[in-house]
Amino acid sequence: MTRQKPSKQNKKKLPKNYGKNTKISKVPKVSKSFEERYPKNPVWQLGDIDLDGPFGWRGLEIDFLLSEILPKIQNFESMKWSEILGPNNHEVRISGICSEAQKRLAKLGLDDLERLVSLRLTGPKRLWGIKNHNTMRILWWDPDHKVFPSKLKHT
């Protein structure tokens, strides 16, 4: 089948390359690298902080907060999320956290979340929050690593 030349009236409506041998190639979308997805430093929000419940902040001693927790959070502020997130600090699916934590999220009206972020401060001590872009809404203090217990090998 041969292509007919368009009339002069319809010629204006045709693409510039009409009738020319042009190569059309599809270029797959490449997912952004980890650094491109998390290029910013963290920002903290305290509006969702859970004072009560099993992972609440109410029982925390002020001296420990000032001497141990705040310096770690300040240190994270000097880093980009791409430097923070890794084996020790990571996102965790809600389905993977303990049932007690899942129930607490439901009580707080946060059971529609898909993931939380766990930040390791020292040993088993974890800070939990909700990450949205570069903002982390601090939620829980988990001194005994109970929200998402480790599955130790050979035990």
C-alpha atoms as a PDB file:
ATOM      1  CA  MET A   1       0.000   0.000   0.000  1.00  0.00           C
ATOM      2  CA  THR A   2       1.430   3.337  -1.011  1.00  0.00           C
ATOM      3  CA  ARG A   3       0.997   6.483   0.957  1.00  0.00           C
ATOM      4  CA  GLN A   4      -0.805   9.302  -0.794  1.00  0.00           C
ATOM      5  CA  LYS A   5       0.468  12.812  -0.553  1.00  0.00           C
ATOM      6  CA  PRO A   6      -1.677  15.001   1.656  1.00  0.00           C
ATOM      7  CA  SER A   7      -3.577  17.876   0.139  1.00  0.00           C
ATOM      8  CA  LYS A   8      -2.259  21.381   0.797  1.00  0.00           C
ATOM      9  CA  GLN A   9      -5.068  22.009   3.312  1.00  0.00           C
ATOM     10  CA  ASN A  10      -4.165  18.979   5.450  1.00  0.00           C
ATOM     11  CA  LYS A  11      -0.420  19.479   5.121  1.00  0.00           C
ATOM     12  CA  LYS A  12      -0.407  22.005   7.957  1.00  0.00           C
ATOM     13  CA  LYS A  13      -1.839  19.426  10.342  1.00  0.00           C
ATOM     14  CA  LEU A  14       0.885  16.847   9.784  1.00  0.00           C
ATOM     15  CA  PRO A  15       3.980  16.381  11.911  1.00  0.00           C
ATOM     16  CA  LYS A  16       7.159  18.025  10.657  1.00  0.00           C
ATOM     17  CA  ASN A  17       8.789  14.675   9.924  1.00  0.00           C
ATOM     18  CA  TYR A  18       5.839  13.238   7.965  1.00  0.00           C
ATOM     19  CA  GLY A  19       6.992  10.924   5.219  1.00  0.00           C
ATOM     20  CA  LYS A  20      10.656  10.980   6.246  1.00  0.00           C
ATOM     21  CA  ASN A  21      12.425   7.863   7.400  1.00  0.00           C
ATOM     22  CA  THR A  22      12.730   8.582  11.080  1.00  0.00           C
ATOM     23  CA  LYS A  23      13.730   6.115  13.693  1.00  0.00           C
ATOM     24  CA  ILE A  24      11.365   5.777  16.570  1.00  0.00           C
ATOM     25  CA  SER A  25      12.979   4.263  19.561  1.00  0.00           C
ATOM     26  CA  LYS A  26      11.517   3.620  22.935  1.00  0.00           C
ATOM     27  CA  VAL A  27      13.675   4.569  25.864  1.00  0.00           C
ATOM     28  CA  PRO A  28      12.865   2.795  29.113  1.00  0.00           C
ATOM     29  CA  LYS A  29      12.451   4.914  32.189  1.00  0.00           C
ATOM     30  CA  VAL A  30      15.350   4.376  34.508  1.00  0.00           C
ATOM     31  CA  SER A  31      14.580   4.407  38.186  1.00  0.00           C
ATOM     32  CA  LYS A  32      16.299   7.121  40.113  1.00  0.00           C
ATOM     33  CA  SER A  33      19.340   6.194  42.105  1.00  0.00           C
ATOM     34  CA  PHE A  34      19.131   6.038  45.875  1.00  0.00           C
ATOM     35  CA  GLU A  35      20.980   9.362  46.178  1.00  0.00           C
ATOM     36  CA  GLU A  36      18.556  11.042  43.773  1.00  0.00           C
ATOM     37  CA  ARG A  37      15.515   9.794  45.701  1.00  0.00           C
ATOM     38  CA  TYR A  38      16.825  10.972  49.091  1.00  0.00           C
ATOM     39  CA  PRO A  39      18.938  14.068  48.352  1.00  0.00           C
ATOM     40  CA  LYS A  40      17.920  16.187  51.322  1.00  0.00           C
ATOM     41  CA  ASN A  41      18.776  16.470  54.986  1.00  0.00           C
ATOM     42  CA  PRO A  42      16.147  15.361  57.477  1.00  0.00           C
ATOM     43  CA  VAL A  43      13.675  17.702  59.091  1.00  0.00           C
ATOM     44  CA  TRP A  44      11.942  16.655  62.316  1.00  0.00           C
ATOM     45  CA  GLN A  45       8.336  17.148  63.357  1.00  0.00           C
ATOM     46  CA  LEU A  46       6.986  16.408  66.827  1.00  0.00           C
ATOM     47  CA  GLY A  47       3.247  16.824  66.232  1.00  0.00           C
ATOM     48  CA  ASP A  48       2.624  13.044  66.147  1.00  0.00           C
ATOM     49  CA  ILE A  49       4.877  12.130  69.052  1.00  0.00           C
ATOM     50  CA  ASP A  50       3.224   9.405  71.155  1.00  0.00           C
ATOM     51  CA  LEU A  51       3.624  10.270  74.820  1.00  0.00           C
ATOM     52  CA  ASP A  52       1.715   7.258  76.149  1.00  0.00           C
ATOM     53  CA  GLY A  53       1.420   3.620  75.170  1.00  0.00           C
ATOM     54  CA  PRO A  54       4.095   0.948  75.129  1.00  0.00           C
ATOM     55  CA  PHE A  55       6.548   3.069  73.104  1.00  0.00           C
ATOM     56  CA  GLY A  56       5.607   6.449  74.541  1.00  0.00           C
ATOM     57  CA  TRP A  57       7.988   9.192  75.538  1.00  0.00           C
ATOM     58  CA  ARG A  58       6.384  10.152  78.855  1.00  0.00           C
ATOM     59  CA  GLY A  59       8.574   7.919  81.063  1.00  0.00           C
ATOM     60  CA  LEU A  60      11.841   8.999  79.454  1.00  0.00           C
ATOM     61  CA  GLU A  61      14.278  10.769  81.753  1.00  0.00           C
ATOM     62  CA  ILE A  62      15.072  14.310  80.622  1.00  0.00           C
ATOM     63  CA  ASP A  63      18.821  13.844  81.200  1.00  0.00           C
ATOM     64  CA  PHE A  64      18.852  10.859  78.849  1.00  0.00           C
ATOM     65  CA  LEU A  65      16.912  12.805  76.232  1.00  0.00           C
ATOM     66  CA  LEU A  66      19.350  15.721  76.402  1.00  0.00           C
ATOM     67  CA  SER A  67      22.579  13.716  76.623  1.00  0.00           C
ATOM     68  CA  GLU A  68      21.853  10.730  74.365  1.00  0.00           C
ATOM     69  CA  ILE A  69      18.919  11.235  72.024  1.00  0.00           C
ATOM     70  CA  LEU A  70      19.169  14.888  70.977  1.00  0.00           C
ATOM     71  CA  PRO A  71      22.885  14.686  70.027  1.00  0.00           C
ATOM     72  CA  LYS A  72      22.125  11.692  67.768  1.00  0.00           C
ATOM     73  CA  ILE A  73      19.255  13.538  66.119  1.00  0.00           C
ATOM     74  CA  GLN A  74      21.500  16.584  65.635  1.00  0.00           C
ATOM     75  CA  ASN A  75      24.108  14.327  64.035  1.00  0.00           C
ATOM     76  CA  PHE A  76      21.497  12.988  61.591  1.00  0.00           C
ATOM     77  CA  GLU A  77      20.710  16.584  60.596  1.00  0.00           C
ATOM     78  CA  SER A  78      24.203  16.930  59.138  1.00  0.00           C
ATOM     79  CA  MET A  79      23.550  13.978  56.804  1.00  0.00           C
ATOM     80  CA  LYS A  80      21.341  13.438  53.780  1.00  0.00           C
ATOM     81  CA  TRP A  81      18.664  10.753  53.865  1.00  0.00           C
ATOM     82  CA  SER A  82      20.714   8.777  51.334  1.00  0.00           C
ATOM     83  CA  GLU A  83      23.510   8.629  53.944  1.00  0.00           C
ATOM     84  CA  ILE A  84      21.201   7.851  56.858  1.00  0.00           C
ATOM     85  CA  LEU A  85      19.125   5.029  55.410  1.00  0.00           C
ATOM     86  CA  GLY A  86      20.901   1.693  55.220  1.00  0.00           C
ATOM     87  CA  PRO A  87      21.271  -1.479  57.265  1.00  0.00           C
ATOM     88  CA  ASN A  88      20.879   0.182  60.696  1.00  0.00           C
ATOM     89  CA  ASN A  89      18.360   2.867  59.752  1.00  0.00           C
ATOM     90  CA  HIS A  90      15.615   1.709  57.453  1.00  0.00           C
ATOM     91  CA  GLU A  91      11.985   1.735  56.423  1.00  0.00           C
ATOM     92  CA  VAL A  92       9.860  -1.095  57.804  1.00  0.00           C
ATOM     93  CA  ARG A  93       6.505  -2.288  56.494  1.00  0.00           C
ATOM     94  CA  ILE A  94       3.700  -1.967  59.030  1.00  0.00           C
ATOM     95  CA  SER A  95       2.893  -5.646  58.496  1.00  0.00           C
ATOM     96  CA  GLY A  96       6.354  -6.479  59.876  1.00  0.00           C
ATOM     97  CA  ILE A  97       6.118  -4.639  63.190  1.00  0.00           C
ATOM     98  CA  CYS A  98       4.854  -6.304  66.369  1.00  0.00           C
ATOM     99  CA  SER A  99       1.106  -6.596  66.954  1.00  0.00           C
ATOM    100  CA  GLU A 100       1.308  -4.288  69.971  1.00  0.00           C
ATOM    101  CA  ALA A 101       2.743  -1.523  67.761  1.00  0.00           C
ATOM    102  CA  GLN A 102       0.130  -2.177  65.063  1.00  0.00           C
ATOM    103  CA  LYS A 103      -2.652  -1.872  67.654  1.00  0.00           C
ATOM    104  CA  ARG A 104      -1.145   1.370  68.932  1.00  0.00           C
ATOM    105  CA  LEU A 105      -1.075   2.804  65.385  1.00  0.00           C
ATOM    106  CA  ALA A 106      -4.784   1.942  65.059  1.00  0.00           C
ATOM    107  CA  LYS A 107      -5.544   3.662  68.365  1.00  0.00           C
ATOM    108  CA  LEU A 108      -3.656   6.752  67.186  1.00  0.00           C
ATOM    109  CA  GLY A 109      -5.561   6.744  63.883  1.00  0.00           C
ATOM    110  CA  LEU A 110      -2.384   6.010  61.925  1.00  0.00           C
ATOM    111  CA  ASP A 111      -3.265   2.505  60.750  1.00  0.00           C
ATOM    112  CA  ASP A 112      -3.470   3.656  57.119  1.00  0.00           C
ATOM    113  CA  LEU A 113       0.324   3.954  56.885  1.00  0.00           C
ATOM    114  CA  GLU A 114       2.346   1.510  54.812  1.00  0.00           C
ATOM    115  CA  ARG A 115       5.750   2.049  56.421  1.00  0.00           C
ATOM    116  CA  LEU A 116       7.567   3.511  59.380  1.00  0.00           C
ATOM    117  CA  VAL A 117      11.219   4.469  59.656  1.00  0.00           C
ATOM    118  CA  SER A 118      13.483   3.040  62.335  1.00  0.00           C
ATOM    119  CA  LEU A 119      16.592   5.010  63.306  1.00  0.00           C
ATOM    120  CA  ARG A 120      19.177   3.184  65.400  1.00  0.00           C
ATOM    121  CA  LEU A 121      20.635   5.420  68.085  1.00  0.00           C
ATOM    122  CA  THR A 122      22.712   2.913  70.087  1.00  0.00           C
ATOM    123  CA  GLY A 123      22.597  -0.855  70.508  1.00  0.00           C
ATOM    124  CA  PRO A 124      18.915  -1.793  70.685  1.00  0.00           C
ATOM    125  CA  LYS A 125      17.635   1.786  71.115  1.00  0.00           C
ATOM    126  CA  ARG A 126      15.472   2.971  68.217  1.00  0.00           C
ATOM    127  CA  LEU A 127      13.634   6.115  67.248  1.00  0.00           C
ATOM    128  CA  TRP A 128      10.514   5.459  65.140  1.00  0.00           C
ATOM    129  CA  GLY A 129       8.724   7.845  62.862  1.00  0.00           C
ATOM    130  CA  ILE A 130       6.785   8.524  59.719  1.00  0.00           C
ATOM    131  CA  LYS A 131       8.910   9.693  56.787  1.00  0.00           C
ATOM    132  CA  ASN A 132       7.368  11.939  54.172  1.00  0.00           C
ATOM    133  CA  HIS A 133       9.925  13.235  51.675  1.00  0.00           C
ATOM    134  CA  ASN A 134      12.695  14.678  53.848  1.00  0.00           C
ATOM    135  CA  THR A 135      10.490  15.155  56.941  1.00  0.00           C
ATOM    136  CA  MET A 136      10.338  12.593  59.709  1.00  0.00           C
ATOM    137  CA  ARG A 137       7.380  12.874  62.035  1.00  0.00           C
ATOM    138  CA  ILE A 138       8.800  11.416  65.244  1.00  0.00           C
ATOM    139  CA  LEU A 139       6.449   8.892  66.784  1.00  0.00           C
ATOM    140  CA  TRP A 140       7.978   6.407  69.237  1.00  0.00           C
ATOM    141  CA  TRP A 141      10.919   5.774  71.516  1.00  0.00           C
ATOM    142  CA  ASP A 142      11.832   2.066  71.476  1.00  0.00           C
ATOM    143  CA  PRO A 143      14.706   1.492  73.933  1.00  0.00           C
ATOM    144  CA  ASP A 144      14.488  -2.309  73.808  1.00  0.00           C
ATOM    145  CA  HIS A 145      14.042  -2.877  70.051  1.00  0.00           C
ATOM    146  CA  LYS A 146      10.550  -4.340  70.542  1.00  0.00           C
ATOM    147  CA  VAL A 147       8.646  -2.623  67.711  1.00  0.00           C
ATOM    148  CA  PHE A 148      10.506  -4.640  65.080  1.00  0.00           C
ATOM    149  CA  PRO A 149      12.451  -7.343  66.934  1.00  0.00           C
ATOM    150  CA  SER A 150      15.542  -8.747  65.240  1.00  0.00           C
ATOM    151  CA  LYS A 151      15.462 -12.308  64.086  1.00  0.00           C
ATOM    152  CA  LEU A 152      18.811 -13.536  65.306  1.00  0.00           C
ATOM    153  CA  LYS A 153      20.513 -16.297  63.341  1.00  0.00           C
ATOM    154  CA  HIS A 154      21.027 -19.706  64.957  1.00  0.00           C
ATOM    155  CA  THR A 155      18.498 -19.143  67.771  1.00  0.00           C
END
